[in-house]
Amino acid sequence: MSKEIKVIDTPNAPQPKGAYSQAFVHDGLVYVAGQLPLDPATGEVAPGDFQDHVKQALINVKNILEAAGSDLNHVLRINVYMTDVSQFPLLNEAYAEIMPAPYPPRTARVVNLGPYDVEIDALGVVCREEE
């Protein structure tokens, strides 16, 4: 495997709003930056409720993984950052609609995300040559 770091930049996920990349690929692993519930086409928060936001953030993760030659079936770990612990059951419902089983190890934390209600990052394995 290559020891180079490859920068992933896809229009199918929101463009970074700061000094970071959507993802890096290094040594067969894909490191996906935290994804907010932003619509890639508009850069604005996707419409809907908390569950819709979880799904949008996961779709953004999925699209970045795919651009890197991976997919949701090859995720090793997920971190979820949310603003309201009472929405944990809703997180699980929305998560199960997008993430394939067996579910990867996951950590969920309650944090202050400013105007956002959820952010999700991931670590995946490259499983094919990127398109």
Protein backbone atom coordinates (compact mmCIF):
# COMPACT_ATOMS: atom_id res chain seq x y z
CA MET A 1 0.00 0.00 0.00
CA SER A 2 1.04 3.52 -0.72
CA LYS A 3 2.31 5.72 2.08
CA GLU A 4 1.08 8.81 0.23
CA ILE A 5 -1.82 10.85 1.54
CA LYS A 6 -4.54 11.37 -1.04
CA VAL A 7 -6.98 14.24 -0.58
CA ILE A 8 -10.63 13.43 -1.33
CA ASP A 9 -12.81 16.21 -2.71
CA THR A 10 -16.21 15.34 -4.14
CA PRO A 11 -19.04 17.64 -5.22
CA ASN A 12 -21.43 15.00 -3.84
CA ALA A 13 -20.76 16.18 -0.29
CA PRO A 14 -20.64 19.67 1.22
CA GLN A 15 -17.47 21.61 0.58
CA PRO A 16 -15.45 22.33 3.73
CA LYS A 17 -16.26 25.65 5.39
CA GLY A 18 -12.88 25.84 7.04
CA ALA A 19 -9.26 24.74 6.83
CA TYR A 20 -9.82 20.98 6.41
CA SER A 21 -10.45 18.38 3.71
CA GLN A 22 -13.51 16.17 3.20
CA ALA A 23 -11.27 13.13 3.67
CA PHE A 24 -7.80 11.69 3.40
CA VAL A 25 -6.87 8.25 2.16
CA HIS A 26 -3.69 6.82 3.64
CA ASP A 27 -2.39 3.27 3.73
CA GLY A 28 -5.76 1.80 2.69
CA LEU A 29 -7.82 3.76 5.21
CA VAL A 30 -10.30 6.58 4.55
CA TYR A 31 -10.50 9.26 7.23
CA VAL A 32 -13.75 11.18 6.71
CA ALA A 33 -14.08 14.61 8.34
CA GLY A 34 -17.15 15.38 10.41
CA GLN A 35 -20.16 15.83 8.17
CA LEU A 36 -22.98 18.17 9.04
CA PRO A 37 -26.54 17.81 7.72
CA LEU A 38 -25.79 20.09 4.79
CA ASP A 39 -27.21 19.68 1.31
CA PRO A 40 -24.18 19.50 -1.04
CA ALA A 41 -26.06 21.37 -3.78
CA THR A 42 -26.87 24.41 -1.65
CA GLY A 43 -24.45 24.29 1.26
CA GLU A 44 -27.44 24.92 3.52
CA VAL A 45 -28.91 22.74 6.27
CA ALA A 46 -31.09 20.07 4.70
CA PRO A 47 -34.81 20.50 5.41
CA GLY A 48 -36.51 18.33 7.98
CA ASP A 49 -36.17 17.17 11.54
CA PHE A 50 -33.37 15.56 13.55
CA GLN A 51 -33.78 12.19 11.83
CA ASP A 52 -33.61 13.81 8.40
CA HIS A 53 -30.44 15.57 9.51
CA VAL A 54 -28.86 12.31 10.70
CA LYS A 55 -29.67 10.74 7.33
CA GLN A 56 -28.21 13.70 5.40
CA ALA A 57 -24.99 13.63 7.44
CA LEU A 58 -24.68 9.87 6.81
CA ILE A 59 -25.36 10.33 3.09
CA ASN A 60 -22.57 12.91 3.01
CA VAL A 61 -20.25 10.39 4.71
CA LYS A 62 -21.37 7.72 2.20
CA ASN A 63 -20.67 9.96 -0.79
CA ILE A 64 -17.20 10.83 0.47
CA LEU A 65 -16.42 7.16 1.15
CA GLU A 66 -17.53 6.27 -2.37
CA ALA A 67 -15.33 9.01 -3.85
CA ALA A 68 -12.43 7.45 -1.94
CA GLY A 69 -13.09 3.90 -3.17
CA SER A 70 -14.99 2.71 -0.12
CA ASP A 71 -18.60 2.43 1.04
CA LEU A 72 -20.74 2.11 4.16
CA ASN A 73 -20.10 -1.65 4.27
CA HIS A 74 -16.41 -0.96 4.85
CA VAL A 75 -16.65 1.48 7.76
CA LEU A 76 -14.51 0.53 10.73
CA ARG A 77 -15.76 3.20 13.13
CA ILE A 78 -18.31 6.01 13.34
CA ASN A 79 -18.42 8.98 15.69
CA VAL A 80 -21.68 10.85 16.17
CA TYR A 81 -21.86 14.27 17.80
CA MET A 82 -25.33 15.45 18.77
CA THR A 83 -26.73 18.31 20.79
CA ASP A 84 -29.59 16.61 22.63
CA VAL A 85 -29.23 13.24 24.39
CA SER A 86 -33.03 12.83 24.47
CA GLN A 87 -32.89 12.30 20.69
CA PHE A 88 -30.73 9.17 21.03
CA PRO A 89 -33.63 6.81 20.13
CA LEU A 90 -34.30 8.92 17.02
CA LEU A 91 -30.60 8.73 16.14
CA ASN A 92 -30.73 4.94 16.29
CA GLU A 93 -33.82 4.75 14.07
CA ALA A 94 -32.40 7.04 11.38
CA TYR A 95 -28.95 5.44 11.61
CA ALA A 96 -30.40 1.96 11.05
CA GLU A 97 -32.17 3.18 7.89
CA ILE A 98 -28.89 4.22 6.24
CA MET A 99 -26.11 2.10 7.79
CA PRO A 100 -25.96 -1.54 6.73
CA ALA A 101 -25.65 -4.27 9.35
CA PRO A 102 -23.50 -5.43 10.92
CA TYR A 103 -23.18 -1.95 12.36
CA PRO A 104 -19.63 -0.70 12.91
CA PRO A 105 -18.42 0.35 16.35
CA ARG A 106 -19.87 3.75 17.18
CA THR A 107 -19.41 6.43 19.77
CA ALA A 108 -22.06 9.10 20.34
CA ARG A 109 -21.31 12.27 22.26
CA VAL A 110 -23.45 15.21 23.32
CA VAL A 111 -21.69 18.44 22.37
CA ASN A 112 -22.40 22.04 21.40
CA LEU A 113 -22.55 22.24 17.60
CA GLY A 114 -23.74 25.81 17.32
CA PRO A 115 -26.57 25.98 14.78
CA TYR A 116 -26.38 22.27 13.88
CA ASP A 117 -27.96 19.31 15.67
CA VAL A 118 -25.69 16.48 14.46
CA GLU A 119 -22.25 15.83 12.98
CA ILE A 120 -20.85 12.44 11.93
CA ASP A 121 -17.31 11.34 11.04
CA ALA A 122 -16.03 7.94 9.98
CA LEU A 123 -13.04 5.72 9.38
CA GLY A 124 -13.30 3.31 6.46
CA VAL A 125 -11.28 0.87 4.42
CA VAL A 126 -10.61 1.30 0.71
CA CYS A 127 -12.29 -1.65 -1.02
CA ARG A 128 -11.95 -0.70 -4.70
CA GLU A 129 -10.23 1.75 -6.99
CA GLU A 130 -12.00 5.10 -6.82
CA GLU A 131 -14.02 6.14 -9.83
